[in-house]
Amino acid sequence: MKLWQDLFGTDYGLMSIAGIAFMIFMAVWYVRFFIRKVNEKPRKD
C-alpha cells in the first residue's frame, strides 16, 4: 500500500507517472510515424 501512496501522493511519484506516460505516448507516435513512412510511395524528384 505504501507503493501506491508514494506513486500517487508525492510529487516524485506523479512525475514518474508523467514520465512513463510521455515515453509510452512517444513510442506509439514513433511506431505509427515510421510505419506510415515505410508504406509511403517514393517521390519522383
C-alpha atoms as a PDB file:
ATOM      1  CA  MET A   1       0.000   0.000   0.000  1.00  0.00           C
ATOM      2  CA  LYS A   2       2.886   2.394   0.648  1.00  0.00           C
ATOM      3  CA  LEU A   3       3.855   1.977  -3.006  1.00  0.00           C
ATOM      4  CA  TRP A   4       0.522   3.348  -4.230  1.00  0.00           C
ATOM      5  CA  GLN A   5       0.593   6.172  -1.679  1.00  0.00           C
ATOM      6  CA  ASP A   6       4.072   7.185  -2.834  1.00  0.00           C
ATOM      7  CA  LEU A   7       3.181   6.832  -6.505  1.00  0.00           C
ATOM      8  CA  PHE A   8       0.002   8.925  -6.441  1.00  0.00           C
ATOM      9  CA  GLY A   9       0.564  11.046  -3.357  1.00  0.00           C
ATOM     10  CA  THR A  10       4.009  12.544  -3.803  1.00  0.00           C
ATOM     11  CA  ASP A  11       5.486  14.923  -6.314  1.00  0.00           C
ATOM     12  CA  TYR A  12       8.179  12.455  -7.409  1.00  0.00           C
ATOM     13  CA  GLY A  13       5.556   9.723  -7.847  1.00  0.00           C
ATOM     14  CA  LEU A  14       3.392  11.918 -10.035  1.00  0.00           C
ATOM     15  CA  MET A  15       6.437  12.986 -12.033  1.00  0.00           C
ATOM     16  CA  SER A  16       7.288   9.316 -12.570  1.00  0.00           C
ATOM     17  CA  ILE A  17       3.777   8.655 -13.864  1.00  0.00           C
ATOM     18  CA  ALA A  18       4.046  11.657 -16.184  1.00  0.00           C
ATOM     19  CA  GLY A  19       7.433  10.479 -17.480  1.00  0.00           C
ATOM     20  CA  ILE A  20       6.217   6.943 -18.109  1.00  0.00           C
ATOM     21  CA  ALA A  21       3.070   8.213 -19.863  1.00  0.00           C
ATOM     22  CA  PHE A  22       5.169  10.540 -22.037  1.00  0.00           C
ATOM     23  CA  MET A  23       7.539   7.726 -23.034  1.00  0.00           C
ATOM     24  CA  ILE A  24       4.624   5.425 -23.937  1.00  0.00           C
ATOM     25  CA  PHE A  25       2.994   8.211 -25.976  1.00  0.00           C
ATOM     26  CA  MET A  26       6.231   8.911 -27.845  1.00  0.00           C
ATOM     27  CA  ALA A  27       6.802   5.195 -28.523  1.00  0.00           C
ATOM     28  CA  VAL A  28       3.331   4.875 -30.062  1.00  0.00           C
ATOM     29  CA  TRP A  29       3.815   8.067 -32.067  1.00  0.00           C
ATOM     30  CA  TYR A  30       7.202   6.947 -33.475  1.00  0.00           C
ATOM     31  CA  VAL A  31       5.902   3.492 -34.410  1.00  0.00           C
ATOM     32  CA  ARG A  32       2.950   4.997 -36.288  1.00  0.00           C
ATOM     33  CA  PHE A  33       5.207   7.618 -37.932  1.00  0.00           C
ATOM     34  CA  PHE A  34       7.773   5.090 -39.171  1.00  0.00           C
ATOM     35  CA  ILE A  35       5.130   2.619 -40.391  1.00  0.00           C
ATOM     36  CA  ARG A  36       3.475   5.431 -42.353  1.00  0.00           C
ATOM     37  CA  LYS A  37       6.818   6.495 -43.859  1.00  0.00           C
ATOM     38  CA  VAL A  38       7.755   2.915 -44.800  1.00  0.00           C
ATOM     39  CA  ASN A  39       4.436   2.433 -46.606  1.00  0.00           C
ATOM     40  CA  GLU A  40       4.672   5.761 -48.442  1.00  0.00           C
ATOM     41  CA  LYS A  41       5.301   5.730 -52.181  1.00  0.00           C
ATOM     42  CA  PRO A  42       8.678   7.166 -53.227  1.00  0.00           C
ATOM     43  CA  ARG A  43       8.598  10.676 -54.668  1.00  0.00           C
ATOM     44  CA  LYS A  44       9.904  11.273 -58.174  1.00  0.00           C
ATOM     45  CA  ASP A  45      12.059  14.400 -57.969  1.00  0.00           C
END
